[in-house]
Amino acid sequence: MNRRFFFKLGAIALGIPFSVVSAKNPQVSFKDLKKEAKINVVYHADFPQESRFKTMLRNITNHLSVYDFDPFSIKIVVVAHGAGAKFLLKDLKGTKWEKEKINQKALLTKMEELLQYGVDFYLCEITVKRANLKGKLYDFVKIVPSGVGTVAYLQSIGYAYIKVQ
């Protein structure tokens, strides 16, 4: 039985979406961040364009496919801050992005799929505070002290850096 099957079977057996398993918006410090696989990659999301975010999610799926969706072979994390935060919100109401037309349902569906393969979504605590986003995040989003600080730290411990243009 391959690992991909194991993760799918586990999610099905639990009968709940994988994203619900983790605690709501846990704080993650730099010391908690480790290399977890042979290949470790950080995708940087600080851009406002939904099309770029969708492209990034598609690239992550393609990236995982090369490693047969095996979370022991590849670990991918997404670090968002600034305008990239809006893609990790349950609801845009009451935010500076309130009037934007974003297909949140489609993005959520894709992110939940990626969660099944061990992809983590980190959001900058500075952005959360400045934009008053507490309580508006998807439950699977983990909070890091600084978005750019996390990107730099992950690179310093051997994560490859990718940013969709």
N, C-alpha and C. Protein backbone atom coordinates (compact mmCIF):
# COMPACT_ATOMS: atom_id res chain seq x y z
N MET A 1 0.87 -1.18 0.00
CA MET A 1 0.00 0.00 0.00
C MET A 1 0.90 1.23 0.00
N ASN A 2 0.67 2.20 -0.92
CA ASN A 2 1.51 3.38 -0.96
C ASN A 2 1.02 4.45 0.02
N ARG A 3 1.88 5.42 0.31
CA ARG A 3 1.58 6.44 1.32
C ARG A 3 0.41 7.33 0.92
N ARG A 4 0.29 7.59 -0.37
CA ARG A 4 -0.83 8.41 -0.85
C ARG A 4 -2.16 7.77 -0.47
N PHE A 5 -2.24 6.47 -0.71
CA PHE A 5 -3.45 5.73 -0.37
C PHE A 5 -3.70 5.78 1.14
N PHE A 6 -2.62 5.63 1.93
CA PHE A 6 -2.73 5.66 3.38
C PHE A 6 -3.36 6.97 3.86
N PHE A 7 -2.90 8.11 3.34
CA PHE A 7 -3.44 9.40 3.77
C PHE A 7 -4.90 9.57 3.36
N LYS A 8 -5.24 9.14 2.17
CA LYS A 8 -6.64 9.21 1.74
C LYS A 8 -7.52 8.31 2.60
N LEU A 9 -7.04 7.12 2.87
CA LEU A 9 -7.79 6.18 3.68
C LEU A 9 -8.02 6.74 5.08
N GLY A 10 -6.99 7.36 5.65
CA GLY A 10 -7.12 7.96 6.97
C GLY A 10 -8.17 9.05 7.00
N ALA A 11 -8.17 9.92 5.99
CA ALA A 11 -9.16 11.01 5.93
C ALA A 11 -10.57 10.45 5.77
N ILE A 12 -10.70 9.41 4.95
CA ILE A 12 -12.02 8.80 4.74
C ILE A 12 -12.48 8.11 6.01
N ALA A 13 -11.57 7.38 6.67
CA ALA A 13 -11.93 6.65 7.89
C ALA A 13 -12.41 7.59 8.99
N LEU A 14 -11.79 8.74 9.07
CA LEU A 14 -12.20 9.70 10.08
C LEU A 14 -13.54 10.34 9.73
N GLY A 15 -13.86 10.35 8.45
CA GLY A 15 -15.14 10.88 8.01
C GLY A 15 -15.25 12.39 8.15
N ILE A 16 -14.12 13.06 8.29
CA ILE A 16 -14.13 14.51 8.40
C ILE A 16 -13.04 15.08 7.51
N PRO A 17 -13.20 16.33 7.08
CA PRO A 17 -12.15 16.94 6.26
C PRO A 17 -10.83 16.97 7.04
N PHE A 18 -9.74 16.74 6.35
CA PHE A 18 -8.43 16.72 6.98
C PHE A 18 -8.14 18.02 7.72
N SER A 19 -8.60 19.14 7.20
CA SER A 19 -8.30 20.43 7.80
C SER A 19 -8.91 20.61 9.18
N VAL A 20 -9.92 19.83 9.52
CA VAL A 20 -10.58 19.98 10.80
C VAL A 20 -9.78 19.30 11.91
N VAL A 21 -8.85 18.41 11.54
CA VAL A 21 -8.12 17.63 12.51
C VAL A 21 -7.22 18.50 13.39
N SER A 22 -6.62 19.53 12.81
CA SER A 22 -5.67 20.34 13.57
C SER A 22 -6.37 21.41 14.40
N ALA A 23 -5.65 21.91 15.40
CA ALA A 23 -6.19 22.96 16.26
C ALA A 23 -6.37 24.24 15.45
N LYS A 24 -7.30 25.07 15.90
CA LYS A 24 -7.60 26.30 15.18
C LYS A 24 -6.47 27.30 15.31
N ASN A 25 -5.86 27.64 14.20
CA ASN A 25 -4.83 28.65 14.06
C ASN A 25 -3.74 28.59 15.13
N PRO A 26 -3.05 27.47 15.20
CA PRO A 26 -1.96 27.37 16.19
C PRO A 26 -0.82 28.33 15.86
N GLN A 27 -0.14 28.80 16.89
CA GLN A 27 1.06 29.62 16.75
C GLN A 27 2.24 28.69 16.47
N VAL A 28 3.07 29.04 15.52
CA VAL A 28 4.24 28.26 15.18
C VAL A 28 5.45 29.18 15.29
N SER A 29 6.44 28.78 16.07
CA SER A 29 7.66 29.58 16.20
C SER A 29 8.71 29.05 15.24
N PHE A 30 9.77 29.81 15.04
CA PHE A 30 10.84 29.36 14.15
C PHE A 30 11.42 28.03 14.61
N LYS A 31 11.54 27.83 15.93
CA LYS A 31 12.13 26.58 16.43
C LYS A 31 11.25 25.37 16.11
N ASP A 32 9.97 25.60 15.81
CA ASP A 32 9.07 24.51 15.45
C ASP A 32 9.22 24.09 13.99
N LEU A 33 9.84 24.93 13.19
CA LEU A 33 9.98 24.68 11.75
C LEU A 33 11.21 23.82 11.49
N LYS A 34 11.00 22.71 10.82
CA LYS A 34 12.08 21.75 10.55
C LYS A 34 11.98 21.25 9.11
N LYS A 35 13.10 20.71 8.63
CA LYS A 35 13.04 19.98 7.37
C LYS A 35 12.34 18.66 7.69
N GLU A 36 11.34 18.31 6.89
CA GLU A 36 10.54 17.13 7.20
C GLU A 36 10.64 16.03 6.15
N ALA A 37 11.29 16.32 5.06
CA ALA A 37 11.37 15.34 3.97
C ALA A 37 12.70 15.52 3.24
N LYS A 38 12.90 14.69 2.25
CA LYS A 38 14.12 14.81 1.45
C LYS A 38 14.13 16.15 0.71
N ILE A 39 12.99 16.52 0.16
CA ILE A 39 12.83 17.78 -0.55
C ILE A 39 11.88 18.66 0.26
N ASN A 40 12.28 19.91 0.54
CA ASN A 40 11.48 20.84 1.33
C ASN A 40 11.37 22.14 0.55
N VAL A 41 10.14 22.65 0.41
CA VAL A 41 9.91 23.81 -0.45
C VAL A 41 8.98 24.80 0.25
N VAL A 42 9.30 26.08 0.14
CA VAL A 42 8.42 27.14 0.62
C VAL A 42 7.92 27.93 -0.58
N TYR A 43 6.61 28.04 -0.69
CA TYR A 43 5.96 28.89 -1.69
C TYR A 43 5.57 30.19 -0.98
N HIS A 44 5.96 31.31 -1.55
CA HIS A 44 5.77 32.63 -0.95
C HIS A 44 4.56 33.32 -1.60
N ALA A 45 3.56 33.70 -0.79
CA ALA A 45 2.33 34.32 -1.31
C ALA A 45 2.10 35.66 -0.62
N ASP A 46 2.56 36.73 -1.25
CA ASP A 46 2.34 38.07 -0.73
C ASP A 46 1.67 38.97 -1.78
N PHE A 47 1.10 38.35 -2.77
CA PHE A 47 0.55 39.06 -3.92
C PHE A 47 -0.98 39.11 -3.86
N PRO A 48 -1.60 40.09 -4.52
CA PRO A 48 -3.05 40.25 -4.43
C PRO A 48 -3.87 39.52 -5.50
N GLN A 49 -3.24 39.00 -6.53
CA GLN A 49 -3.98 38.45 -7.66
C GLN A 49 -4.46 37.01 -7.39
N GLU A 50 -5.77 36.83 -7.48
CA GLU A 50 -6.34 35.50 -7.31
C GLU A 50 -5.78 34.53 -8.35
N SER A 51 -5.58 35.00 -9.57
CA SER A 51 -5.07 34.12 -10.63
C SER A 51 -3.68 33.59 -10.28
N ARG A 52 -2.85 34.40 -9.66
CA ARG A 52 -1.53 33.95 -9.24
C ARG A 52 -1.64 32.92 -8.12
N PHE A 53 -2.56 33.15 -7.19
CA PHE A 53 -2.74 32.20 -6.08
C PHE A 53 -3.23 30.86 -6.63
N LYS A 54 -4.18 30.89 -7.57
CA LYS A 54 -4.66 29.65 -8.19
C LYS A 54 -3.54 28.94 -8.93
N THR A 55 -2.73 29.72 -9.63
CA THR A 55 -1.58 29.13 -10.33
C THR A 55 -0.62 28.50 -9.35
N MET A 56 -0.39 29.16 -8.22
CA MET A 56 0.48 28.61 -7.20
C MET A 56 -0.06 27.27 -6.69
N LEU A 57 -1.36 27.20 -6.40
CA LEU A 57 -1.95 25.95 -5.92
C LEU A 57 -1.82 24.85 -6.97
N ARG A 58 -2.01 25.20 -8.23
CA ARG A 58 -1.86 24.22 -9.31
C ARG A 58 -0.40 23.77 -9.41
N ASN A 59 0.54 24.71 -9.27
CA ASN A 59 1.96 24.35 -9.30
C ASN A 59 2.32 23.42 -8.15
N ILE A 60 1.73 23.66 -6.99
CA ILE A 60 2.00 22.80 -5.84
C ILE A 60 1.50 21.39 -6.12
N THR A 61 0.32 21.27 -6.71
CA THR A 61 -0.21 19.95 -7.08
C THR A 61 0.74 19.26 -8.06
N ASN A 62 1.19 20.00 -9.07
CA ASN A 62 2.13 19.43 -10.04
C ASN A 62 3.43 19.02 -9.36
N HIS A 63 3.90 19.86 -8.45
CA HIS A 63 5.13 19.58 -7.73
C HIS A 63 4.99 18.29 -6.93
N LEU A 64 3.88 18.15 -6.22
CA LEU A 64 3.63 16.93 -5.44
C LEU A 64 3.54 15.70 -6.33
N SER A 65 2.96 15.86 -7.51
CA SER A 65 2.76 14.72 -8.41
C SER A 65 4.07 14.09 -8.84
N VAL A 66 5.11 14.90 -8.98
CA VAL A 66 6.42 14.39 -9.37
C VAL A 66 6.97 13.44 -8.30
N TYR A 67 6.54 13.64 -7.07
CA TYR A 67 6.96 12.79 -5.95
C TYR A 67 5.85 11.83 -5.53
N ASP A 68 4.92 11.55 -6.44
CA ASP A 68 3.82 10.63 -6.20
C ASP A 68 3.01 10.99 -4.96
N PHE A 69 2.91 12.29 -4.68
CA PHE A 69 2.13 12.81 -3.55
C PHE A 69 2.57 12.20 -2.22
N ASP A 70 3.84 11.85 -2.13
CA ASP A 70 4.39 11.20 -0.94
C ASP A 70 4.95 12.25 0.02
N PRO A 71 4.27 12.49 1.16
CA PRO A 71 4.73 13.52 2.09
C PRO A 71 6.05 13.17 2.79
N PHE A 72 6.53 11.97 2.64
CA PHE A 72 7.83 11.61 3.18
C PHE A 72 8.95 11.95 2.21
N SER A 73 8.60 12.15 0.94
CA SER A 73 9.58 12.53 -0.07
C SER A 73 9.66 14.04 -0.24
N ILE A 74 8.52 14.73 -0.08
CA ILE A 74 8.49 16.18 -0.28
C ILE A 74 7.59 16.84 0.77
N LYS A 75 8.06 17.95 1.29
CA LYS A 75 7.29 18.78 2.22
C LYS A 75 7.16 20.16 1.59
N ILE A 76 5.92 20.62 1.47
CA ILE A 76 5.66 21.94 0.90
C ILE A 76 4.90 22.77 1.92
N VAL A 77 5.34 24.02 2.09
CA VAL A 77 4.63 24.97 2.92
C VAL A 77 4.37 26.23 2.10
N VAL A 78 3.26 26.88 2.41
CA VAL A 78 2.92 28.17 1.81
C VAL A 78 3.01 29.20 2.93
N VAL A 79 3.76 30.26 2.70
CA VAL A 79 3.85 31.35 3.66
C VAL A 79 3.20 32.57 3.02
N ALA A 80 2.15 33.07 3.68
CA ALA A 80 1.42 34.24 3.17
C ALA A 80 1.58 35.41 4.13
N HIS A 81 1.57 36.60 3.56
CA HIS A 81 1.55 37.83 4.35
C HIS A 81 1.04 38.93 3.43
N GLY A 82 0.75 40.08 4.00
CA GLY A 82 0.24 41.18 3.20
C GLY A 82 -1.01 40.78 2.44
N ALA A 83 -1.05 41.16 1.17
CA ALA A 83 -2.22 40.88 0.34
C ALA A 83 -2.50 39.39 0.18
N GLY A 84 -1.51 38.54 0.34
CA GLY A 84 -1.70 37.10 0.23
C GLY A 84 -2.59 36.53 1.32
N ALA A 85 -2.77 37.29 2.40
CA ALA A 85 -3.59 36.82 3.52
C ALA A 85 -5.05 36.61 3.12
N LYS A 86 -5.53 37.40 2.19
CA LYS A 86 -6.97 37.34 1.86
C LYS A 86 -7.41 35.98 1.34
N PHE A 87 -6.48 35.19 0.81
CA PHE A 87 -6.84 33.88 0.28
C PHE A 87 -7.00 32.84 1.38
N LEU A 88 -6.63 33.19 2.60
CA LEU A 88 -6.71 32.27 3.73
C LEU A 88 -7.83 32.64 4.70
N LEU A 89 -8.74 33.50 4.23
CA LEU A 89 -9.84 33.98 5.08
C LEU A 89 -11.14 33.25 4.75
N LYS A 90 -11.90 32.94 5.80
CA LYS A 90 -13.22 32.33 5.64
C LYS A 90 -14.19 33.30 4.99
N ASP A 91 -14.02 34.57 5.33
CA ASP A 91 -14.95 35.60 4.87
C ASP A 91 -14.19 36.91 4.74
N LEU A 92 -14.43 37.63 3.67
CA LEU A 92 -13.75 38.90 3.45
C LEU A 92 -14.47 40.08 4.10
N LYS A 93 -15.68 39.85 4.62
CA LYS A 93 -16.44 40.94 5.24
C LYS A 93 -15.66 41.55 6.39
N GLY A 94 -15.67 42.87 6.44
CA GLY A 94 -14.96 43.59 7.49
C GLY A 94 -13.47 43.73 7.26
N THR A 95 -13.01 43.32 6.08
CA THR A 95 -11.58 43.47 5.76
C THR A 95 -11.43 44.49 4.63
N LYS A 96 -10.20 44.87 4.37
CA LYS A 96 -9.96 45.82 3.28
C LYS A 96 -10.18 45.19 1.91
N TRP A 97 -10.39 43.87 1.88
CA TRP A 97 -10.64 43.16 0.62
C TRP A 97 -12.11 42.82 0.45
N GLU A 98 -12.96 43.40 1.26
CA GLU A 98 -14.38 43.08 1.31
C GLU A 98 -15.08 43.17 -0.05
N LYS A 99 -14.70 44.11 -0.88
CA LYS A 99 -15.40 44.32 -2.16
C LYS A 99 -14.82 43.49 -3.30
N GLU A 100 -13.80 42.73 -3.03
CA GLU A 100 -13.20 41.92 -4.08
C GLU A 100 -14.01 40.65 -4.32
N LYS A 101 -14.07 40.26 -5.56
CA LYS A 101 -14.79 39.04 -5.94
C LYS A 101 -13.77 37.91 -6.06
N ILE A 102 -13.65 37.14 -5.00
CA ILE A 102 -12.72 36.02 -4.98
C ILE A 102 -13.53 34.74 -4.83
N ASN A 103 -13.20 33.74 -5.63
CA ASN A 103 -13.90 32.47 -5.55
C ASN A 103 -13.31 31.67 -4.38
N GLN A 104 -13.71 32.06 -3.17
CA GLN A 104 -13.16 31.44 -1.97
C GLN A 104 -13.48 29.95 -1.88
N LYS A 105 -14.64 29.57 -2.35
CA LYS A 105 -15.04 28.15 -2.28
C LYS A 105 -14.09 27.28 -3.10
N ALA A 106 -13.78 27.72 -4.32
CA ALA A 106 -12.87 26.95 -5.18
C ALA A 106 -11.46 26.89 -4.58
N LEU A 107 -11.00 28.01 -4.03
CA LEU A 107 -9.66 28.03 -3.43
C LEU A 107 -9.61 27.12 -2.20
N LEU A 108 -10.66 27.19 -1.38
CA LEU A 108 -10.71 26.34 -0.19
C LEU A 108 -10.69 24.87 -0.57
N THR A 109 -11.46 24.49 -1.57
CA THR A 109 -11.50 23.10 -2.02
C THR A 109 -10.11 22.63 -2.41
N LYS A 110 -9.39 23.46 -3.15
CA LYS A 110 -8.04 23.09 -3.59
C LYS A 110 -7.07 23.03 -2.41
N MET A 111 -7.19 23.98 -1.48
CA MET A 111 -6.30 23.96 -0.31
C MET A 111 -6.57 22.74 0.56
N GLU A 112 -7.84 22.37 0.73
CA GLU A 112 -8.17 21.18 1.52
C GLU A 112 -7.60 19.92 0.87
N GLU A 113 -7.60 19.88 -0.45
CA GLU A 113 -6.98 18.75 -1.16
C GLU A 113 -5.49 18.70 -0.85
N LEU A 114 -4.83 19.85 -0.87
CA LEU A 114 -3.39 19.89 -0.62
C LEU A 114 -3.05 19.55 0.82
N LEU A 115 -3.93 19.88 1.74
CA LEU A 115 -3.71 19.53 3.15
C LEU A 115 -3.58 18.02 3.33
N GLN A 116 -4.28 17.26 2.51
CA GLN A 116 -4.23 15.80 2.61
C GLN A 116 -2.84 15.26 2.30
N TYR A 117 -2.03 16.06 1.62
CA TYR A 117 -0.68 15.64 1.24
C TYR A 117 0.38 16.35 2.07
N GLY A 118 -0.04 16.90 3.21
CA GLY A 118 0.92 17.48 4.14
C GLY A 118 1.31 18.91 3.90
N VAL A 119 0.67 19.59 2.95
CA VAL A 119 0.99 20.99 2.71
C VAL A 119 0.48 21.81 3.90
N ASP A 120 1.34 22.69 4.40
CA ASP A 120 0.96 23.59 5.49
C ASP A 120 0.79 25.00 4.96
N PHE A 121 -0.15 25.73 5.55
CA PHE A 121 -0.40 27.12 5.19
C PHE A 121 -0.12 27.99 6.40
N TYR A 122 0.91 28.84 6.27
CA TYR A 122 1.31 29.73 7.34
C TYR A 122 0.92 31.17 6.99
N LEU A 123 0.52 31.92 8.01
CA LEU A 123 0.17 33.32 7.82
C LEU A 123 0.91 34.16 8.85
N CYS A 124 1.38 35.29 8.41
CA CYS A 124 2.15 36.24 9.21
C CYS A 124 1.30 36.85 10.34
N GLU A 125 1.80 36.75 11.56
CA GLU A 125 1.10 37.32 12.71
C GLU A 125 1.01 38.85 12.61
N ILE A 126 2.02 39.46 12.05
CA ILE A 126 2.01 40.92 11.88
C ILE A 126 0.85 41.32 10.98
N THR A 127 0.65 40.59 9.88
CA THR A 127 -0.47 40.85 8.97
C THR A 127 -1.79 40.63 9.69
N VAL A 128 -1.89 39.56 10.45
CA VAL A 128 -3.14 39.26 11.18
C VAL A 128 -3.49 40.42 12.10
N LYS A 129 -2.51 40.93 12.82
CA LYS A 129 -2.76 42.03 13.75
C LYS A 129 -3.09 43.33 13.02
N ARG A 130 -2.29 43.68 12.03
CA ARG A 130 -2.48 44.96 11.33
C ARG A 130 -3.80 45.02 10.57
N ALA A 131 -4.20 43.89 10.00
CA ALA A 131 -5.44 43.86 9.21
C ALA A 131 -6.63 43.38 10.03
N ASN A 132 -6.42 43.14 11.32
CA ASN A 132 -7.49 42.70 12.22
C ASN A 132 -8.20 41.44 11.68
N LEU A 133 -7.42 40.40 11.47
CA LEU A 133 -7.94 39.18 10.85
C LEU A 133 -8.23 38.05 11.83
N LYS A 134 -7.98 38.27 13.10
CA LYS A 134 -8.21 37.21 14.09
C LYS A 134 -9.68 36.76 14.03
N GLY A 135 -9.89 35.46 14.01
CA GLY A 135 -11.23 34.89 13.94
C GLY A 135 -11.78 34.78 12.53
N LYS A 136 -11.04 35.27 11.54
CA LYS A 136 -11.50 35.23 10.15
C LYS A 136 -10.78 34.17 9.30
N LEU A 137 -9.82 33.48 9.90
CA LEU A 137 -8.98 32.55 9.15
C LEU A 137 -9.58 31.15 9.10
N TYR A 138 -9.26 30.43 8.03
CA TYR A 138 -9.60 29.01 7.99
C TYR A 138 -8.89 28.34 9.16
N ASP A 139 -9.50 27.33 9.72
CA ASP A 139 -8.96 26.65 10.90
C ASP A 139 -7.59 26.03 10.65
N PHE A 140 -7.28 25.64 9.43
CA PHE A 140 -6.01 24.96 9.15
C PHE A 140 -4.83 25.92 9.05
N VAL A 141 -5.07 27.22 9.02
CA VAL A 141 -3.99 28.20 8.89
C VAL A 141 -3.22 28.28 10.20
N LYS A 142 -1.91 28.21 10.08
CA LYS A 142 -1.02 28.32 11.24
C LYS A 142 -0.38 29.71 11.23
N ILE A 143 -0.22 30.28 12.41
CA ILE A 143 0.31 31.64 12.52
C ILE A 143 1.81 31.59 12.83
N VAL A 144 2.59 32.33 12.04
CA VAL A 144 4.02 32.47 12.26
C VAL A 144 4.32 33.91 12.66
N PRO A 145 5.41 34.15 13.39
CA PRO A 145 5.69 35.51 13.88
C PRO A 145 5.79 36.56 12.77
N SER A 146 6.39 36.19 11.66
CA SER A 146 6.60 37.11 10.54
C SER A 146 6.61 36.31 9.25
N GLY A 147 5.91 36.79 8.25
CA GLY A 147 5.90 36.10 6.96
C GLY A 147 7.27 36.09 6.31
N VAL A 148 7.87 37.27 6.16
CA VAL A 148 9.18 37.34 5.50
C VAL A 148 10.25 36.69 6.36
N GLY A 149 10.12 36.81 7.68
CA GLY A 149 11.06 36.15 8.57
C GLY A 149 10.99 34.64 8.43
N THR A 150 9.79 34.11 8.29
CA THR A 150 9.61 32.66 8.12
C THR A 150 10.18 32.19 6.80
N VAL A 151 9.93 32.95 5.73
CA VAL A 151 10.49 32.59 4.43
C VAL A 151 12.02 32.53 4.52
N ALA A 152 12.62 33.54 5.13
CA ALA A 152 14.08 33.57 5.26
C ALA A 152 14.58 32.43 6.14
N TYR A 153 13.90 32.18 7.24
CA TYR A 153 14.32 31.10 8.14
C TYR A 153 14.25 29.75 7.42
N LEU A 154 13.14 29.50 6.73
CA LEU A 154 13.01 28.22 6.02
C LEU A 154 14.11 28.05 4.98
N GLN A 155 14.44 29.13 4.27
CA GLN A 155 15.54 29.05 3.31
C GLN A 155 16.86 28.73 4.02
N SER A 156 17.06 29.30 5.19
CA SER A 156 18.32 29.09 5.91
C SER A 156 18.48 27.65 6.39
N ILE A 157 17.38 26.92 6.54
CA ILE A 157 17.48 25.51 6.97
C ILE A 157 17.34 24.54 5.79
N GLY A 158 17.32 25.08 4.58
CA GLY A 158 17.38 24.22 3.41
C GLY A 158 16.12 24.10 2.57
N TYR A 159 15.11 24.91 2.84
CA TYR A 159 13.91 24.90 1.99
C TYR A 159 14.20 25.66 0.70
N ALA A 160 13.79 25.10 -0.42
CA ALA A 160 13.88 25.79 -1.70
C ALA A 160 12.78 26.85 -1.74
N TYR A 161 13.04 27.97 -2.39
CA TYR A 161 12.12 29.11 -2.45
C TYR A 161 11.47 29.19 -3.82
N ILE A 162 10.13 29.30 -3.82
CA ILE A 162 9.39 29.50 -5.07
C ILE A 162 8.34 30.58 -4.88
N LYS A 163 8.28 31.48 -5.85
CA LYS A 163 7.24 32.51 -5.86
C LYS A 163 6.69 32.59 -7.27
N VAL A 164 5.39 32.37 -7.39
CA VAL A 164 4.73 32.41 -8.69
C VAL A 164 4.66 33.84 -9.19
N GLN A 165 5.06 34.05 -10.42
CA GLN A 165 5.04 35.40 -11.01
C GLN A 165 3.80 35.61 -11.87
